Every structure is written in structure tokens, then in C-alpha cells.
C-alpha atoms as a PDB file:
ATOM      1  CA  UNK A   1      79.948 -66.376  43.859  1.00  0.00           C
ATOM      2  CA  UNK A   2      80.626 -66.965  40.156  1.00  0.00           C
ATOM      3  CA  UNK A   3      84.213 -67.312  39.058  1.00  0.00           C
ATOM      4  CA  UNK A   4      86.005 -64.981  36.697  1.00  0.00           C
ATOM      5  CA  UNK A   5      85.743 -67.667  34.005  1.00  0.00           C
ATOM      6  CA  UNK A   6      81.928 -67.653  34.363  1.00  0.00           C
ATOM      7  CA  UNK A   7      81.801 -63.912  33.707  1.00  0.00           C
ATOM      8  CA  UNK A   8      84.241 -64.226  30.802  1.00  0.00           C
ATOM      9  CA  UNK A   9      82.256 -67.003  29.119  1.00  0.00           C
ATOM     10  CA  UNK A  10      78.939 -65.237  29.762  1.00  0.00           C
ATOM     11  CA  UNK A  11      80.277 -61.981  28.296  1.00  0.00           C
ATOM     12  CA  UNK A  12      81.683 -63.773  25.249  1.00  0.00           C
ATOM     13  CA  UNK A  13      78.339 -65.490  24.691  1.00  0.00           C
ATOM     14  CA  UNK A  14      76.618 -62.100  24.766  1.00  0.00           C
ATOM     15  CA  UNK A  15      79.093 -60.699  22.216  1.00  0.00           C
ATOM     16  CA  UNK A  16      78.569 -63.797  20.034  1.00  0.00           C
ATOM     17  CA  UNK A  17      74.811 -63.313  20.244  1.00  0.00           C
ATOM     18  CA  UNK A  18      75.043 -59.640  19.325  1.00  0.00           C
ATOM     19  CA  UNK A  19      77.145 -60.577  16.298  1.00  0.00           C
ATOM     20  CA  UNK A  20      74.402 -63.052  15.355  1.00  0.00           C
ATOM     21  CA  UNK A  21      71.783 -60.305  15.705  1.00  0.00           C
ATOM     22  CA  UNK A  22      73.801 -58.034  13.412  1.00  0.00           C
ATOM     23  CA  UNK A  23      74.271 -60.836  10.871  1.00  0.00           C
ATOM     24  CA  UNK A  24      70.538 -61.533  10.862  1.00  0.00           C
ATOM     25  CA  UNK A  25      69.655 -57.871  10.340  1.00  0.00           C
ATOM     26  CA  UNK A  26      72.260 -57.577   7.594  1.00  0.00           C
ATOM     27  CA  UNK A  27      70.998 -60.654   5.781  1.00  0.00           C
ATOM     28  CA  UNK A  28      67.270 -60.059   6.149  1.00  0.00           C
ATOM     29  CA  UNK A  29      67.641 -56.513   4.786  1.00  0.00           C
ATOM     30  CA  UNK A  30      70.207 -57.322   2.089  1.00  0.00           C
ATOM     31  CA  UNK A  31      69.698 -55.865  -1.366  1.00  0.00           C
ATOM     32  CA  UNK A  32      69.628 -59.135  -3.294  1.00  0.00           C
ATOM     33  CA  UNK A  33      70.202 -57.424  -6.631  1.00  0.00           C
ATOM     34  CA  UNK A  34      73.429 -55.890  -5.364  1.00  0.00           C
ATOM     35  CA  UNK A  35      74.447 -59.075  -3.555  1.00  0.00           C
ATOM     36  CA  UNK A  36      73.909 -61.110  -6.742  1.00  0.00           C
ATOM     37  CA  UNK A  37      76.600 -59.034  -8.475  1.00  0.00           C
ATOM     38  CA  UNK A  38      79.270 -60.231  -6.048  1.00  0.00           C
ATOM     39  CA  UNK A  39      77.852 -63.467  -4.607  1.00  0.00           C
ATOM     40  CA  UNK A  40      75.078 -64.925  -6.756  1.00  0.00           C
ATOM     41  CA  UNK A  41      74.928 -68.199  -4.804  1.00  0.00           C
ATOM     42  CA  UNK A  42      74.240 -66.437  -1.516  1.00  0.00           C
ATOM     43  CA  UNK A  43      71.750 -64.071  -3.154  1.00  0.00           C
ATOM     44  CA  UNK A  44      69.888 -67.063  -4.592  1.00  0.00           C
ATOM     45  CA  UNK A  45      69.918 -68.798  -1.198  1.00  0.00           C
ATOM     46  CA  UNK A  46      68.494 -65.720   0.533  1.00  0.00           C
ATOM     47  CA  UNK A  47      65.862 -65.269  -2.179  1.00  0.00           C
ATOM     48  CA  UNK A  48      64.688 -68.877  -1.943  1.00  0.00           C
ATOM     49  CA  UNK A  49      64.917 -69.268   1.829  1.00  0.00           C
ATOM     50  CA  UNK A  50      61.390 -69.991   3.078  1.00  0.00           C
ATOM     51  CA  UNK A  51      59.741 -67.714   5.614  1.00  0.00           C
ATOM     52  CA  UNK A  52      59.822 -70.455   8.257  1.00  0.00           C
ATOM     53  CA  UNK A  53      63.610 -70.673   7.940  1.00  0.00           C
ATOM     54  CA  UNK A  54      63.959 -66.886   8.228  1.00  0.00           C
ATOM     55  CA  UNK A  55      61.672 -67.047  11.279  1.00  0.00           C
ATOM     56  CA  UNK A  56      63.782 -69.798  12.826  1.00  0.00           C
ATOM     57  CA  UNK A  57      66.882 -67.670  12.189  1.00  0.00           C
ATOM     58  CA  UNK A  58      65.254 -64.714  13.967  1.00  0.00           C
ATOM     59  CA  UNK A  59      64.233 -66.871  16.936  1.00  0.00           C
ATOM     60  CA  UNK A  60      67.715 -68.394  17.111  1.00  0.00           C
ATOM     61  CA  UNK A  61      69.583 -65.107  17.354  1.00  0.00           C
ATOM     62  CA  UNK A  62      67.160 -62.998  19.397  1.00  0.00           C
ATOM     63  CA  UNK A  63      66.409 -65.722  21.938  1.00  0.00           C
ATOM     64  CA  UNK A  64      70.141 -66.429  22.277  1.00  0.00           C
ATOM     65  CA  UNK A  65      70.653 -62.764  23.102  1.00  0.00           C
ATOM     66  CA  UNK A  66      67.938 -62.951  25.769  1.00  0.00           C
ATOM     67  CA  UNK A  67      69.604 -66.119  27.092  1.00  0.00           C
ATOM     68  CA  UNK A  68      73.000 -64.410  27.265  1.00  0.00           C
ATOM     69  CA  UNK A  69      71.493 -61.478  29.159  1.00  0.00           C
ATOM     70  CA  UNK A  70      69.760 -63.924  31.531  1.00  0.00           C
ATOM     71  CA  UNK A  71      73.075 -65.727  31.998  1.00  0.00           C
ATOM     72  CA  UNK A  72      74.803 -62.463  32.905  1.00  0.00           C
ATOM     73  CA  UNK A  73      71.961 -61.771  35.331  1.00  0.00           C
ATOM     74  CA  UNK A  74      72.520 -65.282  36.733  1.00  0.00           C
ATOM     75  CA  UNK A  75      68.983 -66.410  35.963  1.00  0.00           C
ATOM     76  CA  UNK A  76      68.075 -70.076  35.476  1.00  0.00           C
ATOM     77  CA  UNK A  77      65.850 -69.174  32.529  1.00  0.00           C
ATOM     78  CA  UNK A  78      69.075 -68.921  30.481  1.00  0.00           C
ATOM     79  CA  UNK A  79      69.206 -72.703  29.973  1.00  0.00           C
ATOM     80  CA  UNK A  80      65.680 -73.122  28.537  1.00  0.00           C
ATOM     81  CA  UNK A  81      66.215 -70.028  26.395  1.00  0.00           C
ATOM     82  CA  UNK A  82      69.417 -71.532  24.997  1.00  0.00           C
ATOM     83  CA  UNK A  83      67.486 -74.758  24.314  1.00  0.00           C
ATOM     84  CA  UNK A  84      64.906 -72.831  22.267  1.00  0.00           C
ATOM     85  CA  UNK A  85      67.676 -70.998  20.421  1.00  0.00           C
ATOM     86  CA  UNK A  86      69.534 -74.229  19.611  1.00  0.00           C
ATOM     87  CA  UNK A  87      66.344 -75.852  18.341  1.00  0.00           C
ATOM     88  CA  UNK A  88      65.751 -72.827  16.097  1.00  0.00           C
ATOM     89  CA  UNK A  89      69.347 -73.024  14.825  1.00  0.00           C
ATOM     90  CA  UNK A  90      68.844 -76.687  13.940  1.00  0.00           C
ATOM     91  CA  UNK A  91      65.603 -75.884  12.113  1.00  0.00           C
ATOM     92  CA  UNK A  92      67.187 -73.025  10.192  1.00  0.00           C
ATOM     93  CA  UNK A  93      70.283 -74.988   9.184  1.00  0.00           C
ATOM     94  CA  UNK A  94      68.109 -77.996   8.407  1.00  0.00           C
ATOM     95  CA  UNK A  95      66.915 -75.969   5.442  1.00  0.00           C
ATOM     96  CA  UNK A  96      70.476 -74.950   4.574  1.00  0.00           C
ATOM     97  CA  UNK A  97      71.749 -78.527   4.636  1.00  0.00           C
ATOM     98  CA  UNK A  98      68.736 -80.385   3.265  1.00  0.00           C
ATOM     99  CA  UNK A  99      66.423 -77.906   1.546  1.00  0.00           C
ATOM    100  CA  UNK A 100      68.794 -75.738  -0.409  1.00  0.00           C
ATOM    101  CA  UNK A 101      71.626 -76.194  -2.851  1.00  0.00           C
ATOM    102  CA  UNK A 102      74.051 -74.010  -0.860  1.00  0.00           C
ATOM    103  CA  UNK A 103      76.376 -76.858   0.127  1.00  0.00           C
ATOM    104  CA  UNK A 104      76.285 -78.357  -3.371  1.00  0.00           C
ATOM    105  CA  UNK A 105      76.926 -74.943  -4.948  1.00  0.00           C
ATOM    106  CA  UNK A 106      79.647 -73.762  -2.578  1.00  0.00           C
ATOM    107  CA  UNK A 107      81.152 -77.112  -1.614  1.00  0.00           C
ATOM    108  CA  UNK A 108      81.474 -78.964   1.679  1.00  0.00           C
ATOM    109  CA  UNK A 109      83.489 -76.150   3.255  1.00  0.00           C
ATOM    110  CA  UNK A 110      80.279 -74.085   3.275  1.00  0.00           C
ATOM    111  CA  UNK A 111      79.082 -76.340   6.103  1.00  0.00           C
ATOM    112  CA  UNK A 112      81.952 -75.424   8.438  1.00  0.00           C
ATOM    113  CA  UNK A 113      80.573 -72.166   9.823  1.00  0.00           C
ATOM    114  CA  UNK A 114      77.003 -73.468  10.278  1.00  0.00           C
ATOM    115  CA  UNK A 115      78.427 -76.469  12.143  1.00  0.00           C
ATOM    116  CA  UNK A 116      80.480 -74.087  14.303  1.00  0.00           C
ATOM    117  CA  UNK A 117      77.311 -72.095  15.074  1.00  0.00           C
ATOM    118  CA  UNK A 118      75.536 -75.302  16.093  1.00  0.00           C
ATOM    119  CA  UNK A 119      78.505 -76.220  18.309  1.00  0.00           C
ATOM    120  CA  UNK A 120      78.435 -72.812  20.026  1.00  0.00           C
ATOM    121  CA  UNK A 121      74.689 -73.205  20.554  1.00  0.00           C
ATOM    122  CA  UNK A 122      75.197 -76.638  22.111  1.00  0.00           C
ATOM    123  CA  UNK A 123      78.015 -75.318  24.297  1.00  0.00           C
ATOM    124  CA  UNK A 124      75.857 -72.378  25.418  1.00  0.00           C
ATOM    125  CA  UNK A 125      73.059 -74.714  26.456  1.00  0.00           C
ATOM    126  CA  UNK A 126      75.465 -77.050  28.251  1.00  0.00           C
ATOM    127  CA  UNK A 127      77.191 -74.150  30.036  1.00  0.00           C
ATOM    128  CA  UNK A 128      73.930 -72.571  31.238  1.00  0.00           C
ATOM    129  CA  UNK A 129      72.520 -75.949  32.287  1.00  0.00           C
ATOM    130  CA  UNK A 130      75.693 -76.805  34.185  1.00  0.00           C
ATOM    131  CA  UNK A 131      75.768 -73.427  35.948  1.00  0.00           C
ATOM    132  CA  UNK A 132      72.119 -73.901  36.889  1.00  0.00           C
ATOM    133  CA  UNK A 133      72.986 -77.338  38.345  1.00  0.00           C
ATOM    134  CA  UNK A 134      75.889 -75.760  40.270  1.00  0.00           C
ATOM    135  CA  UNK A 135      73.430 -73.173  41.626  1.00  0.00           C
ATOM    136  CA  UNK A 136      75.401 -70.314  40.102  1.00  0.00           C
ATOM    137  CA  UNK A 137      72.133 -69.359  38.410  1.00  0.00           C
ATOM    138  CA  UNK A 138      69.095 -68.647  40.548  1.00  0.00           C
END
């Protein structure tokens, strides 16, 4: 039987994923003209972000949500889903770090949150994999 900490972590990962889904929807539907009035650097980044990076972003957040649901259902598929999500996160932020001027424009501190997202993705994968190895997931 899973411990209380398993359920707590799994629930927090679902909340995190839902926040990611909301962020994606907010960003992909943003009015760039309005955004440019308050944050021109971000508006420019969104406008120049290639379709493959937007697609990777979508895969990252939606697959992570499926993984979190699978984790709560105690299904082993959670680990491979988290692996796909983490790979998509790395692809998406690869563009942010190496294909855009976001870090140069906003400074090194602009890398903190993307690095945190990558860390949460890595933790999610590790957690699901470990629970699968412990046979908590079936």
C-alpha cells in the first residue's frame, strides 16, 4: 500500500502539471500586441519561438499531466510518460537557452525558472521510476 508521502507527492505533481497546462494555454493564446506594451522581450520571444518549440512545450505539459494521472492511478506507464515529458522540456528549453536571445536580454536570472522546471521534470521521472521499481505502481 502506498504511503501518505506517495499520495502527497503524486498530488503535488498533478497540481504542478495543471499549472503548466494553464501556463501553456495562457502563453500560446497571448495577445502579443498587448504583451509587448508591458513585456516586449517576452512578446518578442513568443513571436519568434518556432513551431517545433511550441509543440515540444505542448507535449511537455500535456504528457506530464497524463503521467501525473497515471501516477495517481498507480500505473507503471507514469515513468515512460515522465521521460517523454522531460525530453520535450529539454527540447523546448534548448531553444530558450540556445536559439533565442531571452537569457541575453533578460539576464542570467531568466534561466532560474526553466532550470527549476527541468529539475521538477527530472524528479518526477525519478520518483515514478523508483515507485515502479518498488512495485507501488502496477
